[in-house]
């Protein structure tokens, strides 16, 4: 996710991850995620997807102009 954050004009990163991975990130690595968001001024959205198994994942990068303010 950080590699995608570094790219120019990135506004949001949406990561669909296996449920166990998403749960780990949201519970154990919350501070690291918040640090990434603040450092790169990017919104990170983590979506648990029960249809994915480790090590599969999907990352979608949205440019600043594509991110809604909702």
PDB file of N, CA and C in Angstrom:
ATOM      1  N   UNK A   1       0.823  -1.175   0.000  1.00  0.00           N
ATOM      2  CA  UNK A   1       0.000   0.000   0.000  1.00  0.00           C
ATOM      3  C   UNK A   1       0.876   1.251   0.000  1.00  0.00           C
ATOM      4  N   UNK A   2       1.980   1.186   0.715  1.00  0.00           N
ATOM      5  CA  UNK A   2       2.842   2.369   0.763  1.00  0.00           C
ATOM      6  C   UNK A   2       3.441   2.683  -0.601  1.00  0.00           C
ATOM      7  N   UNK A   3       3.773   1.664  -1.374  1.00  0.00           N
ATOM      8  CA  UNK A   3       4.304   1.901  -2.720  1.00  0.00           C
ATOM      9  C   UNK A   3       3.311   2.677  -3.567  1.00  0.00           C
ATOM     10  N   UNK A   4       2.036   2.361  -3.439  1.00  0.00           N
ATOM     11  CA  UNK A   4       0.999   3.078  -4.183  1.00  0.00           C
ATOM     12  C   UNK A   4       0.822   4.492  -3.643  1.00  0.00           C
ATOM     13  N   UNK A   5       0.980   4.685  -2.342  1.00  0.00           N
ATOM     14  CA  UNK A   5       0.849   6.015  -1.729  1.00  0.00           C
ATOM     15  C   UNK A   5       1.903   6.983  -2.244  1.00  0.00           C
ATOM     16  N   UNK A   6       3.081   6.461  -2.528  1.00  0.00           N
ATOM     17  CA  UNK A   6       4.202   7.299  -2.935  1.00  0.00           C
ATOM     18  C   UNK A   6       4.004   7.892  -4.327  1.00  0.00           C
ATOM     19  N   UNK A   7       3.234   7.250  -5.165  1.00  0.00           N
ATOM     20  CA  UNK A   7       3.044   7.720  -6.536  1.00  0.00           C
ATOM     21  C   UNK A   7       2.386   9.096  -6.561  1.00  0.00           C
ATOM     22  N   UNK A   8       2.767   9.900  -7.553  1.00  0.00           N
ATOM     23  CA  UNK A   8       2.251  11.260  -7.679  1.00  0.00           C
ATOM     24  C   UNK A   8       0.743  11.289  -7.833  1.00  0.00           C
ATOM     25  N   UNK A   9       0.134  12.314  -7.237  1.00  0.00           N
ATOM     26  CA  UNK A   9      -1.277  12.613  -7.400  1.00  0.00           C
ATOM     27  C   UNK A   9      -2.203  11.500  -6.890  1.00  0.00           C
ATOM     28  N   UNK A  10      -1.766  10.742  -5.900  1.00  0.00           N
ATOM     29  CA  UNK A  10      -2.597   9.690  -5.326  1.00  0.00           C
ATOM     30  C   UNK A  10      -3.479  10.297  -4.247  1.00  0.00           C
ATOM     31  N   UNK A  11      -4.784  10.022  -4.320  1.00  0.00           N
ATOM     32  CA  UNK A  11      -5.719  10.544  -3.338  1.00  0.00           C
ATOM     33  C   UNK A  11      -6.260   9.473  -2.409  1.00  0.00           C
ATOM     34  N   UNK A  12      -6.386   8.252  -2.929  1.00  0.00           N
ATOM     35  CA  UNK A  12      -6.964   7.172  -2.133  1.00  0.00           C
ATOM     36  C   UNK A  12      -6.438   5.828  -2.620  1.00  0.00           C
ATOM     37  N   UNK A  13      -6.210   4.942  -1.669  1.00  0.00           N
ATOM     38  CA  UNK A  13      -5.830   3.567  -1.954  1.00  0.00           C
ATOM     39  C   UNK A  13      -6.903   2.671  -1.358  1.00  0.00           C
ATOM     40  N   UNK A  14      -7.477   1.820  -2.195  1.00  0.00           N
ATOM     41  CA  UNK A  14      -8.466   0.845  -1.733  1.00  0.00           C
ATOM     42  C   UNK A  14      -7.835  -0.531  -1.818  1.00  0.00           C
ATOM     43  N   UNK A  15      -7.734  -1.199  -0.693  1.00  0.00           N
ATOM     44  CA  UNK A  15      -7.124  -2.524  -0.649  1.00  0.00           C
ATOM     45  C   UNK A  15      -8.168  -3.547  -0.235  1.00  0.00           C
ATOM     46  N   UNK A  16      -8.449  -4.500  -1.125  1.00  0.00           N
ATOM     47  CA  UNK A  16      -9.311  -5.630  -0.776  1.00  0.00           C
ATOM     48  C   UNK A  16      -8.394  -6.777  -0.392  1.00  0.00           C
ATOM     49  N   UNK A  17      -8.580  -7.249   0.830  1.00  0.00           N
ATOM     50  CA  UNK A  17      -7.677  -8.244   1.401  1.00  0.00           C
ATOM     51  C   UNK A  17      -8.474  -9.400   1.994  1.00  0.00           C
ATOM     52  N   UNK A  18      -7.817 -10.563   2.148  1.00  0.00           N
ATOM     53  CA  UNK A  18      -8.481 -11.653   2.880  1.00  0.00           C
ATOM     54  C   UNK A  18      -8.885 -11.160   4.271  1.00  0.00           C
ATOM     55  N   UNK A  19      -9.944 -11.689   4.806  1.00  0.00           N
ATOM     56  CA  UNK A  19     -10.495 -11.221   6.078  1.00  0.00           C
ATOM     57  C   UNK A  19      -9.446 -11.244   7.192  1.00  0.00           C
ATOM     58  N   UNK A  20      -8.655 -12.291   7.271  1.00  0.00           N
ATOM     59  CA  UNK A  20      -7.660 -12.381   8.354  1.00  0.00           C
ATOM     60  C   UNK A  20      -6.591 -11.295   8.236  1.00  0.00           C
ATOM     61  N   UNK A  21      -6.182 -10.991   7.016  1.00  0.00           N
ATOM     62  CA  UNK A  21      -5.161  -9.956   6.791  1.00  0.00           C
ATOM     63  C   UNK A  21      -5.743  -8.586   7.111  1.00  0.00           C
ATOM     64  N   UNK A  22      -6.942  -8.316   6.621  1.00  0.00           N
ATOM     65  CA  UNK A  22      -7.589  -7.027   6.880  1.00  0.00           C
ATOM     66  C   UNK A  22      -7.803  -6.821   8.379  1.00  0.00           C
ATOM     67  N   UNK A  23      -8.230  -7.867   9.070  1.00  0.00           N
ATOM     68  CA  UNK A  23      -8.453  -7.779  10.510  1.00  0.00           C
ATOM     69  C   UNK A  23      -7.151  -7.473  11.234  1.00  0.00           C
ATOM     70  N   UNK A  24      -6.079  -8.133  10.844  1.00  0.00           N
ATOM     71  CA  UNK A  24      -4.768  -7.886  11.453  1.00  0.00           C
ATOM     72  C   UNK A  24      -4.349  -6.431  11.260  1.00  0.00           C
ATOM     73  N   UNK A  25      -4.469  -5.938  10.036  1.00  0.00           N
ATOM     74  CA  UNK A  25      -4.066  -4.555   9.763  1.00  0.00           C
ATOM     75  C   UNK A  25      -4.907  -3.558  10.556  1.00  0.00           C
ATOM     76  N   UNK A  26      -6.208  -3.760  10.567  1.00  0.00           N
ATOM     77  CA  UNK A  26      -7.091  -2.820  11.249  1.00  0.00           C
ATOM     78  C   UNK A  26      -6.938  -2.856  12.768  1.00  0.00           C
ATOM     79  N   UNK A  27      -6.613  -4.012  13.315  1.00  0.00           N
ATOM     80  CA  UNK A  27      -6.491  -4.129  14.770  1.00  0.00           C
ATOM     81  C   UNK A  27      -5.075  -3.924  15.282  1.00  0.00           C
ATOM     82  N   UNK A  28      -4.105  -4.512  14.626  1.00  0.00           N
ATOM     83  CA  UNK A  28      -2.731  -4.498  15.135  1.00  0.00           C
ATOM     84  C   UNK A  28      -1.846  -3.421  14.504  1.00  0.00           C
ATOM     85  N   UNK A  29      -2.184  -2.972  13.321  1.00  0.00           N
ATOM     86  CA  UNK A  29      -1.339  -2.012  12.613  1.00  0.00           C
ATOM     87  C   UNK A  29      -2.060  -0.688  12.338  1.00  0.00           C
ATOM     88  N   UNK A  30      -3.063  -0.388  13.131  1.00  0.00           N
ATOM     89  CA  UNK A  30      -3.850   0.830  12.940  1.00  0.00           C
ATOM     90  C   UNK A  30      -2.977   2.089  12.970  1.00  0.00           C
ATOM     91  N   UNK A  31      -2.057   2.173  13.914  1.00  0.00           N
ATOM     92  CA  UNK A  31      -1.181   3.342  14.020  1.00  0.00           C
ATOM     93  C   UNK A  31      -0.305   3.490  12.777  1.00  0.00           C
ATOM     94  N   UNK A  32       0.192   2.395  12.256  1.00  0.00           N
ATOM     95  CA  UNK A  32       1.018   2.440  11.046  1.00  0.00           C
ATOM     96  C   UNK A  32       0.201   2.937   9.854  1.00  0.00           C
ATOM     97  N   UNK A  33      -1.038   2.508   9.766  1.00  0.00           N
ATOM     98  CA  UNK A  33      -1.913   2.948   8.685  1.00  0.00           C
ATOM     99  C   UNK A  33      -2.170   4.446   8.809  1.00  0.00           C
ATOM    100  N   UNK A  34      -2.441   4.914  10.012  1.00  0.00           N
ATOM    101  CA  UNK A  34      -2.678   6.337  10.228  1.00  0.00           C
ATOM    102  C   UNK A  34      -1.436   7.161   9.917  1.00  0.00           C
ATOM    103  N   UNK A  35      -0.273   6.630  10.230  1.00  0.00           N
ATOM    104  CA  UNK A  35       0.983   7.316   9.921  1.00  0.00           C
ATOM    105  C   UNK A  35       1.171   7.435   8.417  1.00  0.00           C
ATOM    106  N   UNK A  36       0.885   6.354   7.680  1.00  0.00           N
ATOM    107  CA  UNK A  36       0.975   6.396   6.216  1.00  0.00           C
ATOM    108  C   UNK A  36       0.027   7.442   5.639  1.00  0.00           C
ATOM    109  N   UNK A  37      -1.198   7.459   6.136  1.00  0.00           N
ATOM    110  CA  UNK A  37      -2.188   8.414   5.644  1.00  0.00           C
ATOM    111  C   UNK A  37      -1.717   9.848   5.869  1.00  0.00           C
ATOM    112  N   UNK A  38      -1.189  10.125   7.047  1.00  0.00           N
ATOM    113  CA  UNK A  38      -0.738  11.479   7.367  1.00  0.00           C
ATOM    114  C   UNK A  38       0.512  11.865   6.583  1.00  0.00           C
ATOM    115  N   UNK A  39       1.454  10.944   6.481  1.00  0.00           N
ATOM    116  CA  UNK A  39       2.719  11.237   5.803  1.00  0.00           C
ATOM    117  C   UNK A  39       2.518  11.527   4.321  1.00  0.00           C
ATOM    118  N   UNK A  40       1.663  10.757   3.678  1.00  0.00           N
ATOM    119  CA  UNK A  40       1.494  10.887   2.224  1.00  0.00           C
ATOM    120  C   UNK A  40       0.215  11.632   1.841  1.00  0.00           C
ATOM    121  N   UNK A  41      -0.573  12.041   2.846  1.00  0.00           N
ATOM    122  CA  UNK A  41      -1.840  12.742   2.608  1.00  0.00           C
ATOM    123  C   UNK A  41      -2.738  11.952   1.657  1.00  0.00           C
ATOM    124  N   UNK A  42      -2.897  10.671   1.986  1.00  0.00           N
ATOM    125  CA  UNK A  42      -3.675   9.732   1.182  1.00  0.00           C
ATOM    126  C   UNK A  42      -4.637   9.000   2.113  1.00  0.00           C
ATOM    127  N   UNK A  43      -5.831   8.739   1.634  1.00  0.00           N
ATOM    128  CA  UNK A  43      -6.801   7.964   2.400  1.00  0.00           C
ATOM    129  C   UNK A  43      -6.620   6.486   2.066  1.00  0.00           C
ATOM    130  N   UNK A  44      -6.443   5.657   3.085  1.00  0.00           N
ATOM    131  CA  UNK A  44      -6.337   4.212   2.901  1.00  0.00           C
ATOM    132  C   UNK A  44      -7.650   3.566   3.304  1.00  0.00           C
ATOM    133  N   UNK A  45      -8.227   2.787   2.393  1.00  0.00           N
ATOM    134  CA  UNK A  45      -9.473   2.085   2.656  1.00  0.00           C
ATOM    135  C   UNK A  45      -9.172   0.594   2.608  1.00  0.00           C
ATOM    136  N   UNK A  46      -9.408  -0.089   3.717  1.00  0.00           N
ATOM    137  CA  UNK A  46      -9.140  -1.522   3.806  1.00  0.00           C
ATOM    138  C   UNK A  46     -10.474  -2.255   3.835  1.00  0.00           C
ATOM    139  N   UNK A  47     -10.660  -3.136   2.861  1.00  0.00           N
ATOM    140  CA  UNK A  47     -11.920  -3.868   2.717  1.00  0.00           C
ATOM    141  C   UNK A  47     -11.657  -5.366   2.883  1.00  0.00           C
ATOM    142  N   UNK A  48     -12.221  -5.981   3.928  1.00  0.00           N
ATOM    143  CA  UNK A  48     -12.094  -7.435   4.078  1.00  0.00           C
ATOM    144  C   UNK A  48     -12.940  -8.129   3.007  1.00  0.00           C
ATOM    145  N   UNK A  49     -12.351  -9.049   2.273  1.00  0.00           N
ATOM    146  CA  UNK A  49     -13.060  -9.751   1.210  1.00  0.00           C
ATOM    147  C   UNK A  49     -12.997 -11.254   1.494  1.00  0.00           C
ATOM    148  N   UNK A  50     -14.140 -11.857   1.865  1.00  0.00           N
ATOM    149  CA  UNK A  50     -14.135 -13.289   2.196  1.00  0.00           C
ATOM    150  C   UNK A  50     -13.879 -14.188   0.987  1.00  0.00           C
ATOM    151  N   UNK A  51     -13.923 -13.627  -0.213  1.00  0.00           N
ATOM    152  CA  UNK A  51     -13.676 -14.414  -1.425  1.00  0.00           C
ATOM    153  C   UNK A  51     -12.202 -14.492  -1.795  1.00  0.00           C
ATOM    154  N   UNK A  52     -11.360 -13.813  -1.038  1.00  0.00           N
ATOM    155  CA  UNK A  52      -9.916 -13.846  -1.294  1.00  0.00           C
ATOM    156  C   UNK A  52      -9.232 -14.715  -0.247  1.00  0.00           C
ATOM    157  N   UNK A  53      -8.247 -15.474  -0.682  1.00  0.00           N
ATOM    158  CA  UNK A  53      -7.433 -16.284   0.219  1.00  0.00           C
ATOM    159  C   UNK A  53      -6.006 -15.774   0.158  1.00  0.00           C
ATOM    160  N   UNK A  54      -5.309 -15.848   1.292  1.00  0.00           N
ATOM    161  CA  UNK A  54      -3.912 -15.436   1.351  1.00  0.00           C
ATOM    162  C   UNK A  54      -3.110 -16.258   0.353  1.00  0.00           C
ATOM    163  N   UNK A  55      -2.274 -15.716  -0.457  1.00  0.00           N
ATOM    164  CA  UNK A  55      -1.725 -14.372  -0.498  1.00  0.00           C
ATOM    165  C   UNK A  55      -2.395 -13.449  -1.524  1.00  0.00           C
ATOM    166  N   UNK A  56      -3.593 -13.737  -1.966  1.00  0.00           N
ATOM    167  CA  UNK A  56      -4.278 -12.914  -2.963  1.00  0.00           C
ATOM    168  C   UNK A  56      -4.742 -11.591  -2.349  1.00  0.00           C
ATOM    169  N   UNK A  57      -4.699 -10.527  -3.141  1.00  0.00           N
ATOM    170  CA  UNK A  57      -5.210  -9.223  -2.725  1.00  0.00           C
ATOM    171  C   UNK A  57      -5.430  -8.369  -3.966  1.00  0.00           C
ATOM    172  N   UNK A  58      -6.179  -7.289  -3.796  1.00  0.00           N
ATOM    173  CA  UNK A  58      -6.434  -6.346  -4.886  1.00  0.00           C
ATOM    174  C   UNK A  58      -6.226  -4.937  -4.351  1.00  0.00           C
ATOM    175  N   UNK A  59      -5.435  -4.152  -5.068  1.00  0.00           N
ATOM    176  CA  UNK A  59      -5.212  -2.766  -4.672  1.00  0.00           C
ATOM    177  C   UNK A  59      -5.624  -1.868  -5.824  1.00  0.00           C
ATOM    178  N   UNK A  60      -6.455  -0.881  -5.498  1.00  0.00           N
ATOM    179  CA  UNK A  60      -6.924   0.083  -6.481  1.00  0.00           C
ATOM    180  C   UNK A  60      -6.445   1.465  -6.051  1.00  0.00           C
ATOM    181  N   UNK A  61      -5.756   2.151  -6.939  1.00  0.00           N
ATOM    182  CA  UNK A  61      -5.248   3.495  -6.663  1.00  0.00           C
ATOM    183  C   UNK A  61      -6.143   4.503  -7.367  1.00  0.00           C
ATOM    184  N   UNK A  62      -6.596   5.500  -6.611  1.00  0.00           N
ATOM    185  CA  UNK A  62      -7.401   6.573  -7.192  1.00  0.00           C
ATOM    186  C   UNK A  62      -6.624   7.876  -7.107  1.00  0.00           C
ATOM    187  N   UNK A  63      -6.662   8.641  -8.176  1.00  0.00           N
ATOM    188  CA  UNK A  63      -6.020   9.953  -8.183  1.00  0.00           C
ATOM    189  C   UNK A  63      -6.828  10.914  -7.324  1.00  0.00           C
ATOM    190  N   UNK A  64      -6.201  11.997  -6.912  1.00  0.00           N
ATOM    191  CA  UNK A  64      -6.857  12.987  -6.070  1.00  0.00           C
ATOM    192  C   UNK A  64      -8.155  13.504  -6.701  1.00  0.00           C
ATOM    193  N   UNK A  65      -8.152  13.671  -8.002  1.00  0.00           N
ATOM    194  CA  UNK A  65      -9.327  14.196  -8.709  1.00  0.00           C
ATOM    195  C   UNK A  65     -10.473  13.188  -8.766  1.00  0.00           C
ATOM    196  N   UNK A  66     -10.204  11.909  -8.524  1.00  0.00           N
ATOM    197  CA  UNK A  66     -11.221  10.862  -8.602  1.00  0.00           C
ATOM    198  C   UNK A  66     -11.865  10.552  -7.242  1.00  0.00           C
ATOM    199  N   UNK A  67     -11.337  11.124  -6.173  1.00  0.00           N
ATOM    200  CA  UNK A  67     -11.816  10.818  -4.830  1.00  0.00           C
ATOM    201  C   UNK A  67     -12.948  11.766  -4.486  1.00  0.00           C
ATOM    202  N   UNK A  68     -14.070  11.184  -4.050  1.00  0.00           N
ATOM    203  CA  UNK A  68     -15.193  12.027  -3.618  1.00  0.00           C
ATOM    204  C   UNK A  68     -14.967  12.490  -2.192  1.00  0.00           C
ATOM    205  N   UNK A  69     -15.625  13.544  -1.807  1.00  0.00           N
ATOM    206  CA  UNK A  69     -15.446  14.094  -0.467  1.00  0.00           C
ATOM    207  C   UNK A  69     -16.342  13.436   0.570  1.00  0.00           C
ATOM    208  N   UNK A  70     -17.098  12.395   0.204  1.00  0.00           N
ATOM    209  CA  UNK A  70     -18.001  11.716   1.143  1.00  0.00           C
ATOM    210  C   UNK A  70     -17.253  10.903   2.149  1.00  0.00           C
TER     211      UNK A  70
END
